[in-house]
Structure formats: C-alpha cells, structure tokens
Protein backbone atom coordinates (compact mmCIF):
# COMPACT_ATOMS: atom_id res chain seq x y z
CA MET A 1 0.00 0.00 0.00
CA ALA A 2 2.84 2.40 0.83
CA ALA A 3 4.21 2.10 -2.70
CA MET A 4 0.82 2.90 -4.22
CA LEU A 5 0.41 5.96 -1.98
CA GLY A 6 3.83 7.16 -3.10
CA PHE A 7 2.91 6.80 -6.76
CA ILE A 8 -0.35 8.69 -6.17
CA ALA A 9 1.66 11.56 -4.67
CA LEU A 10 4.15 11.52 -7.58
CA ALA A 11 1.31 11.53 -10.12
CA ALA A 12 -0.32 14.48 -8.34
CA ALA A 13 2.97 16.39 -8.31
CA THR A 14 3.50 15.90 -12.06
CA CYS A 15 -0.10 16.96 -12.83
CA HIS A 16 0.25 20.01 -10.56
CA LEU A 17 3.46 21.07 -12.29
CA ALA A 18 2.41 20.48 -15.92
CA PRO A 19 0.42 23.71 -16.63
CA HIS A 20 3.29 25.81 -15.28
CA LEU A 21 5.81 24.41 -17.76
CA SER A 22 4.54 26.40 -20.72
CA ARG A 23 5.91 29.57 -22.25
CA ARG A 24 5.24 32.78 -20.33
CA ASP A 25 2.51 33.80 -22.75
CA ILE A 26 0.70 30.44 -22.79
CA PHE A 27 -1.43 29.58 -19.75
CA PHE A 28 -3.42 26.34 -19.51
CA GLY A 29 -3.02 25.91 -23.26
CA VAL A 30 -4.27 29.42 -24.13
CA THR A 31 -2.23 32.27 -25.62
CA VAL A 32 -2.53 35.17 -23.17
CA PRO A 33 -1.02 38.66 -22.72
CA ARG A 34 2.58 38.57 -21.51
CA ASP A 35 1.76 39.78 -18.01
CA PHE A 36 -1.36 37.66 -17.51
CA ALA A 37 0.28 34.64 -15.82
CA GLY A 38 1.50 36.80 -12.93
CA GLY A 39 -1.83 38.53 -12.36
CA PRO A 40 -4.55 37.84 -9.78
CA ILE A 41 -6.87 36.04 -12.20
CA ALA A 42 -4.18 33.58 -13.21
CA ARG A 43 -3.15 33.02 -9.58
CA GLY A 44 -6.76 32.26 -8.68
CA VAL A 45 -7.12 29.76 -11.54
CA SER A 46 -3.84 28.09 -10.53
CA ARG A 47 -4.91 27.78 -6.90
CA ARG A 48 -8.25 26.20 -7.79
CA TYR A 49 -6.54 23.79 -10.17
CA ALA A 50 -3.96 22.83 -7.52
CA VAL A 51 -6.68 22.27 -4.90
CA GLU A 52 -8.60 19.98 -7.27
CA ILE A 53 -5.45 18.01 -8.15
CA TRP A 54 -4.55 17.34 -4.53
CA LEU A 55 -8.14 16.60 -3.52
CA LEU A 56 -8.11 13.94 -6.24
CA ALA A 57 -4.89 12.57 -4.79
CA LEU A 58 -6.35 12.51 -1.26
CA ALA A 59 -9.46 10.70 -2.51
CA ALA A 60 -7.34 8.13 -4.33
CA ALA A 61 -5.13 7.66 -1.26
CA ALA A 62 -8.17 7.22 1.00
CA LEU A 63 -9.59 4.61 -1.35
CA VAL A 64 -6.33 2.69 -1.39
CA ALA A 65 -5.94 2.89 2.39
CA THR A 66 -9.50 1.90 3.31
CA SER A 67 -10.76 -0.38 0.56
CA PRO A 68 -11.11 -4.04 1.65
CA MET A 69 -10.76 -5.08 -1.98
CA PRO A 70 -7.49 -5.04 -3.93
CA VAL A 71 -7.19 -1.86 -5.98
CA VAL A 72 -5.80 -2.16 -9.49
CA SER A 73 -2.81 0.17 -9.41
CA GLY A 74 -2.82 1.05 -13.11
CA GLY A 75 -6.56 1.73 -13.05
CA MET A 76 -6.20 4.00 -10.04
CA LEU A 77 -3.52 6.11 -11.71
CA PHE A 78 -5.59 6.26 -14.90
CA ALA A 79 -8.59 7.54 -12.93
CA GLN A 80 -6.35 10.12 -11.26
CA ALA A 81 -5.01 11.25 -14.65
CA LEU A 82 -8.56 11.49 -16.02
CA GLY A 83 -9.60 13.65 -13.08
CA ALA A 84 -6.56 15.87 -13.63
CA TRP A 85 -7.54 16.27 -17.28
CA VAL A 86 -11.04 17.41 -16.24
CA ALA A 87 -9.49 19.91 -13.80
CA PHE A 88 -7.20 21.19 -16.59
CA MET A 89 -10.16 21.70 -18.93
CA LYS A 90 -12.10 23.60 -16.26
CA ALA A 91 -9.11 25.89 -15.71
CA ARG A 92 -8.69 26.35 -19.46
CA ASP A 93 -12.33 27.40 -19.80
CA LYS A 94 -11.73 30.13 -17.18
CA VAL A 95 -8.68 31.41 -19.09
CA LEU A 96 -10.22 31.42 -22.59
CA PRO A 97 -12.06 34.77 -22.15
CA PHE A 98 -8.66 36.42 -21.66
CA ALA A 99 -7.04 34.92 -24.79
CA ALA A 100 -4.89 37.24 -26.89
CA ALA A 101 -3.95 37.15 -30.55
CA PRO A 102 -0.32 36.07 -30.94
CA SER A 103 2.24 38.02 -32.93
CA THR A 104 2.02 37.50 -36.68
CA ILE A 105 5.79 37.88 -37.12
CA ARG A 106 7.51 34.64 -38.10
CA GLU A 107 11.24 33.92 -37.97
CA ALA A 108 13.17 31.24 -39.84
CA GLU A 109 16.26 29.42 -38.55
CA ILE A 110 19.04 29.71 -41.13
CA GLY A 111 22.26 27.72 -40.99
CA PRO A 112 23.33 24.20 -40.07
CA ARG A 113 20.94 22.20 -37.95
CA PRO A 114 22.04 21.30 -34.40
CA ARG A 115 23.19 17.78 -33.63
CA LEU A 116 21.13 15.40 -31.57
CA PRO A 117 22.25 15.30 -27.90
CA GLY A 118 25.41 13.30 -27.27
CA GLY A 119 26.20 12.70 -30.91
CA LEU A 120 26.16 9.35 -32.70
CA LEU A 121 27.46 7.21 -29.82
CA ALA A 122 24.84 8.44 -27.37
CA GLN A 123 22.06 8.06 -29.94
CA ILE A 124 22.87 4.43 -30.80
CA GLY A 125 23.30 3.47 -27.14
CA PRO A 126 19.69 2.35 -26.48
CA PHE A 127 19.67 0.20 -29.63
CA ALA A 128 23.02 -1.36 -28.68
CA ILE A 129 21.63 -2.23 -25.23
CA LEU A 130 18.56 -3.93 -26.73
CA LEU A 131 20.55 -5.83 -29.35
CA ALA A 132 23.08 -6.97 -26.74
CA SER A 133 20.23 -8.22 -24.56
CA ALA A 134 18.76 -10.16 -27.49
CA ALA A 135 22.17 -11.68 -28.22
CA PHE A 136 22.59 -12.69 -24.56
CA VAL A 137 19.21 -14.43 -24.55
CA ALA A 138 19.97 -16.25 -27.80
CA LEU A 139 23.35 -17.44 -26.54
CA ASN A 140 21.91 -18.66 -23.22
CA TRP A 141 18.62 -20.02 -24.54
CA ASP A 142 18.99 -23.40 -22.83
CA ASP A 143 19.20 -21.72 -19.41
CA LEU A 144 15.81 -20.02 -19.68
CA PRO A 145 13.08 -21.40 -17.37
CA ALA A 146 9.85 -22.75 -18.80
CA ARG A 147 7.99 -19.54 -17.91
CA VAL A 148 9.31 -16.00 -17.75
CA PRO A 149 7.71 -12.82 -16.29
CA THR A 150 6.63 -10.16 -18.76
CA HIS A 151 4.77 -7.58 -16.63
CA TRP A 152 5.06 -6.07 -13.16
CA ASN A 153 2.61 -3.99 -11.10
CA LEU A 154 3.51 -0.76 -9.31
CA ALA A 155 4.40 -2.71 -6.18
CA GLY A 156 7.16 -4.36 -8.23
CA ASN A 157 5.62 -7.84 -8.24
CA PRO A 158 5.32 -9.83 -11.48
CA ASP A 159 1.72 -10.26 -12.61
CA GLY A 160 2.16 -11.39 -16.22
CA TRP A 161 3.95 -14.44 -17.59
CA THR A 162 4.61 -16.18 -20.88
CA THR A 163 5.92 -19.59 -21.82
CA VAL A 164 9.33 -19.69 -23.44
CA SER A 165 9.16 -19.50 -27.21
CA GLU A 166 11.01 -17.43 -29.74
CA ALA A 167 7.97 -15.23 -30.34
CA GLY A 168 7.18 -14.84 -26.64
CA VAL A 169 10.73 -14.09 -25.52
CA PHE A 170 11.76 -11.71 -28.29
CA ARG A 171 8.41 -9.92 -28.50
CA GLY A 172 9.18 -7.59 -25.59
CA LEU A 173 12.61 -6.69 -26.89
CA SER A 174 11.07 -5.99 -30.29
CA VAL A 175 8.48 -3.68 -28.75
CA GLY A 176 11.27 -1.86 -26.93
CA LEU A 177 13.15 -1.49 -30.21
CA VAL A 178 10.06 -0.03 -31.93
CA ILE A 179 9.48 2.45 -29.09
CA CYS A 180 13.11 3.61 -29.08
CA ALA A 181 13.08 3.93 -32.89
CA THR A 182 9.91 6.03 -32.69
CA LEU A 183 11.43 8.34 -30.09
CA TRP A 184 14.61 8.68 -32.17
CA PHE A 185 12.53 9.52 -35.27
CA MET A 186 10.69 12.19 -33.29
CA SER A 187 13.99 13.75 -32.18
CA TYR A 188 15.36 13.67 -35.73
CA SER A 189 12.15 15.26 -37.03
CA VAL A 190 12.27 17.99 -34.38
CA VAL A 191 15.84 18.93 -35.30
CA ASN A 192 15.30 18.86 -39.06
CA TRP A 193 11.65 19.61 -39.75
CA THR A 194 10.28 21.56 -36.78
CA ARG A 195 10.45 25.35 -36.49
CA LEU A 196 11.27 27.43 -33.46
CA PRO A 197 8.82 30.18 -32.43
CA ARG A 198 11.70 32.65 -32.25
CA VAL A 199 15.34 32.37 -33.35
CA THR A 200 16.69 35.81 -32.45
CA GLY A 201 17.24 37.61 -29.18
CA GLN A 202 16.48 36.34 -25.71
CA GLU A 203 13.36 34.49 -26.81
CA GLY A 204 15.31 32.72 -29.55
CA GLU A 205 17.90 31.53 -27.04
CA GLN A 206 15.05 30.38 -24.79
CA SER A 207 13.56 28.34 -27.65
CA ARG A 208 16.89 26.66 -28.37
CA ARG A 209 17.45 25.81 -24.70
CA ALA A 210 13.94 24.36 -24.41
CA ARG A 211 14.57 22.25 -27.52
CA ARG A 212 17.81 20.89 -26.02
CA VAL A 213 16.05 19.98 -22.79
CA ASN A 214 13.25 18.23 -24.68
CA LEU A 215 15.65 16.28 -26.88
CA THR A 216 17.77 15.28 -23.88
CA ALA A 217 14.66 14.09 -22.02
CA THR A 218 13.65 12.06 -25.09
CA LEU A 219 17.08 10.39 -25.19
CA ALA A 220 16.84 9.68 -21.45
CA SER A 221 13.47 8.02 -22.10
CA GLU A 222 15.07 5.79 -24.74
CA TYR A 223 17.77 4.69 -22.30
CA LEU A 224 15.19 4.05 -19.58
CA ILE A 225 13.16 1.83 -21.91
CA ALA A 226 16.25 -0.01 -23.18
CA LEU A 227 17.62 -0.60 -19.67
CA LEU A 228 14.23 -1.84 -18.45
CA PHE A 229 13.99 -4.44 -21.22
CA ALA A 230 17.66 -5.34 -20.71
CA TRP A 231 17.02 -5.96 -17.00
CA VAL A 232 14.01 -8.13 -17.81
CA SER A 233 15.83 -10.25 -20.40
CA THR A 234 19.13 -10.64 -18.54
CA VAL A 235 18.17 -10.63 -14.85
CA ALA A 236 14.49 -11.41 -14.40
CA TRP A 237 14.36 -14.19 -16.98
CA PHE A 238 17.48 -15.97 -15.71
CA ALA A 239 16.56 -15.76 -12.03
CA GLY A 240 15.70 -19.47 -11.98
CA GLU A 241 12.70 -21.74 -12.20
CA GLY A 242 9.80 -20.49 -10.06
CA ALA A 243 11.53 -17.21 -9.16
CA ARG A 244 9.43 -14.07 -8.77
CA PRO A 245 11.99 -11.30 -9.38
CA HIS A 246 11.01 -7.96 -7.88
CA LEU A 247 11.12 -4.97 -10.25
CA PRO A 248 13.67 -2.54 -8.74
CA LEU A 249 12.24 0.69 -7.35
CA PRO A 250 14.36 2.94 -9.61
CA PHE A 251 12.59 1.57 -12.69
CA ARG A 252 9.20 2.32 -11.16
CA VAL A 253 10.11 5.81 -9.99
CA ALA A 254 12.21 6.84 -13.01
CA PRO A 255 9.31 7.94 -15.28
CA PHE A 256 7.97 10.32 -12.61
CA ALA A 257 11.50 11.53 -11.79
CA LEU A 258 12.15 12.22 -15.48
CA LEU A 259 8.94 14.27 -15.74
CA LEU A 260 9.69 16.24 -12.57
CA ILE A 261 13.38 16.89 -13.27
CA GLY A 262 12.83 17.56 -16.96
CA GLY A 263 9.83 19.72 -16.14
CA GLY A 264 11.90 21.77 -13.72
CA ALA A 265 14.57 22.23 -16.39
CA ILE A 266 11.95 23.31 -18.94
CA ARG A 267 10.51 25.83 -16.49
CA ALA A 268 13.98 27.25 -15.86
CA THR A 269 14.63 27.71 -19.59
CA ARG A 270 11.33 29.53 -20.08
CA ARG A 271 11.70 32.14 -17.35
CA VAL A 272 12.45 34.89 -19.83
CA VAL A 273 11.75 38.49 -18.90
CA ALA A 274 8.62 39.62 -20.72
CA SER A 275 9.06 42.29 -23.35
CA ASP A 276 6.63 44.71 -24.91
CA GLY A 277 4.39 43.82 -27.79
CA PRO A 278 1.86 41.09 -28.50
CA PRO A 279 2.48 37.60 -27.12
CA VAL A 280 4.50 35.21 -29.24
CA GLY A 281 3.25 31.93 -27.79
CA ASP A 282 4.40 29.00 -29.87
CA THR A 283 3.19 30.54 -33.19
CA THR A 284 0.36 27.99 -33.48
CA PRO A 285 -3.26 29.23 -33.36
CA ASP A 286 -5.29 28.40 -30.25
CA ALA A 287 -8.23 27.32 -32.39
CA ARG A 288 -6.19 24.43 -33.80
CA TRP A 289 -5.57 22.90 -30.36
CA ILE A 290 -8.31 20.41 -29.49
CA VAL A 291 -8.99 20.55 -25.71
CA GLY A 292 -5.65 22.32 -25.44
CA ARG A 293 -3.67 19.10 -25.95
CA LEU A 294 -4.14 17.78 -29.53
CA TYR A 295 -2.92 19.82 -32.48
CA PHE A 296 -4.80 19.60 -35.80
CA ASN A 297 -3.83 22.09 -38.49
CA HIS A 298 -3.93 21.24 -42.23
CA ALA A 299 -2.25 24.57 -43.07
CA ASP A 300 0.81 23.80 -40.93
CA PRO A 301 3.42 21.61 -42.70
CA ALA A 302 5.14 20.70 -39.41
CA LEU A 303 4.94 17.02 -38.47
CA PHE A 304 5.73 17.64 -34.78
CA VAL A 305 5.07 20.73 -32.69
CA GLU A 306 6.15 21.54 -29.16
CA LYS A 307 3.62 20.65 -26.50
CA ARG A 308 1.96 23.67 -24.96
CA SER A 309 2.80 22.47 -21.46
CA GLY A 310 5.34 20.06 -20.07
CA LEU A 311 8.00 18.05 -21.82
CA GLY A 312 8.14 16.85 -25.38
CA TYR A 313 6.42 17.24 -28.71
CA THR A 314 3.15 16.10 -30.21
CA LEU A 315 2.09 15.18 -33.72
CA ASN A 316 0.28 17.64 -35.95
CA LEU A 317 -2.76 15.49 -36.66
CA GLY A 318 -3.63 17.76 -39.57
CA ASN A 319 -0.53 16.59 -41.43
CA PRO A 320 -1.39 13.39 -43.39
CA TRP A 321 2.08 12.00 -42.66
CA SER A 322 1.24 11.95 -38.95
CA TRP A 323 -1.39 9.30 -39.55
CA LEU A 324 1.15 7.20 -41.43
CA VAL A 325 3.45 7.43 -38.40
CA ILE A 326 0.60 6.44 -36.07
CA GLY A 327 -0.43 3.57 -38.36
CA VAL A 328 3.08 2.18 -38.78
CA VAL A 329 4.02 2.39 -35.10
CA GLY A 330 0.64 1.29 -33.76
CA GLY A 331 0.30 -1.50 -36.31
CA THR A 332 3.80 -2.81 -35.62
CA VAL A 333 3.28 -2.86 -31.85
CA ALA A 334 -0.15 -4.48 -32.26
CA LEU A 335 1.32 -7.21 -34.45
CA LEU A 336 4.12 -7.85 -31.98
CA LEU A 337 1.79 -7.96 -28.98
CA GLY A 338 -0.61 -10.25 -30.84
CA ALA A 339 2.11 -12.63 -31.92
CA VAL A 340 1.63 -14.75 -28.83
CA PRO A 341 -1.72 -15.58 -27.25
C-alpha cells in the first residue's frame, strides 16, 4: 500500500506542475497577454486547479488505504489522470475569455541544424543495449526457465507471464526497439523539420534551450526503456525456475523523476523576462488545439510541434504523414503484442 500511496503523490505532483511548464505567454493551453500569468486572475485559476489536483490525490489515497478489496494500481492512476484532465479543462475554460492574438511575425532558422544530444554514440546506445540483450538471450537459450515474467505492477511484483518460445521471448525486446526507434525519429524530425517560435534575441535563445532539454529528455526516455527491457531479459528471466523477481524501485520511480526533473529544467529555460508587444506563444493558433492538448492544423506543414505544457512534442494530426506514423508504429506494436496468445 505504501508504494501505491507514493505513486499517487508523484502523479499528483507531475499533474500540478504540468500547466506551469509552458511559455510565459501560454497559460493552460491558451495564448494570453505577456503579463497575464502573474496577475490575480491567473493566480486564482492556478490555486483552484492545484486544490482539485490534490483533492483527487487525497481521494485516491483514501480509497487505497480503506478499501477491503485489492485496488488495481494502473486503473487508479488512470482515474487520477482522467480527473486531472477534467481539472485542466475547467481551468482552461476560465482562461479562454482572456485569450490574446499572438504576434504574426515569423522567424526562420538559417544555418546548419544542431546535432542530436550526445552525438552518434549516445544516440545508438539504447539500440546497442537492446541488441546486446537479445544476443545474450539467444546465446543462453537453454538456461531459460519454462515460464518468464513479462509484466510487473507498481508494487514491483510480477503479474504477467509467458511460456518460453522465440515469439514470446523476443516480443518484448522488439516492442522496446520499436518504441526507441519512434522516439529517435521524433527527435530527428524535431531537429530537421520543426520550427522554433523565435530564433533571435532572448526568446530565440530560450527556444533553443527548451529544444535541447526536450531532446535530452527524449534520449533519457530511450535509455530508460532499453535498460528496463535489458534488466528483464538478462536478470528477471534468468533468475531461476519459479523465481518471482522484484522490479527494482528505480525503474518504477524513473518515469515520474524524469517528468519532474525535466519539467523543472523546462521551467527554468522559459523564465524569460517579458518584453513589450503582442504575445508570441508557440506561433500555433489556439483554435487548432483540441482541448488544449491535440494539435490539428492542415495549413501547418510541421509534423511535430512543441507541447503547450510540459516536456516533449506532439504530432500535428492535420498533417497526413502523422497518420502514417501512427499507423506504422501502432500497427507494428499491435502485431508484436498479438504474436503470442
């Protein structure tokens, strides 16, 4: 129970932080005047949102602590995330009447594109880890037990198993490879095919720093995924017949830690002194953001755009190529997961 309460608190902290990780002139997914976020209206909206987030967390914690029935950990966190989404939408509705038209000035980045973080060696690292794990399993195939764990709950206990077969054993590593390849493709696309809102002055430097933080966080996610699958295939699977290997706490906490640390870094990069003139925002129109989270704009050629709050990038669903990406990645993962009953 203690582990579940800890994860509820971590989830609440990440939800609480998310709306405050946007640019200074974007508040709860809405482009606003440059000085709006520091005003009394914005502070009131933030307080109400924070109260709702932590009341959700307290309700979830009370349910976990008092329920006589086992609580499905994943389902509880999903319900908490859904409640946070509702709270976000309520806050966004309060901000919408104060929306401001962003600047119509556009700037283009001219010159060589920046390298991906760490260069070639750092970028191929996650793939090398996964391939080395697959090679280790193949070379030690005869030492595998009849059944191997494939899923763990938030308490770190295995709750999913599969019998040893080539499809069953290598399916997980293949899914990890697809996820890492997708994240790498997103980083490559951001560097080569995604624009910055500003490229000159203090705001331009802010945009470049935020891009570096986002790309570094994406690479860290790739390593986390690769190391998790490597641990499963080289430690958990070879623990011995009948063993129930416990998923180490760092693997369970790492996603929340990445969001909190990366989010703090993003917030630090975006604390630029406001200047005069209309807000810049992220140069995407508010009307093209569905519920403030999904971007759909046929007129925008960008494949990925920066999220309006928090870490990372999101697909432009108005670009036909985005649906090809979704179809290829989703179809590949579905085929891999369906390969074994």
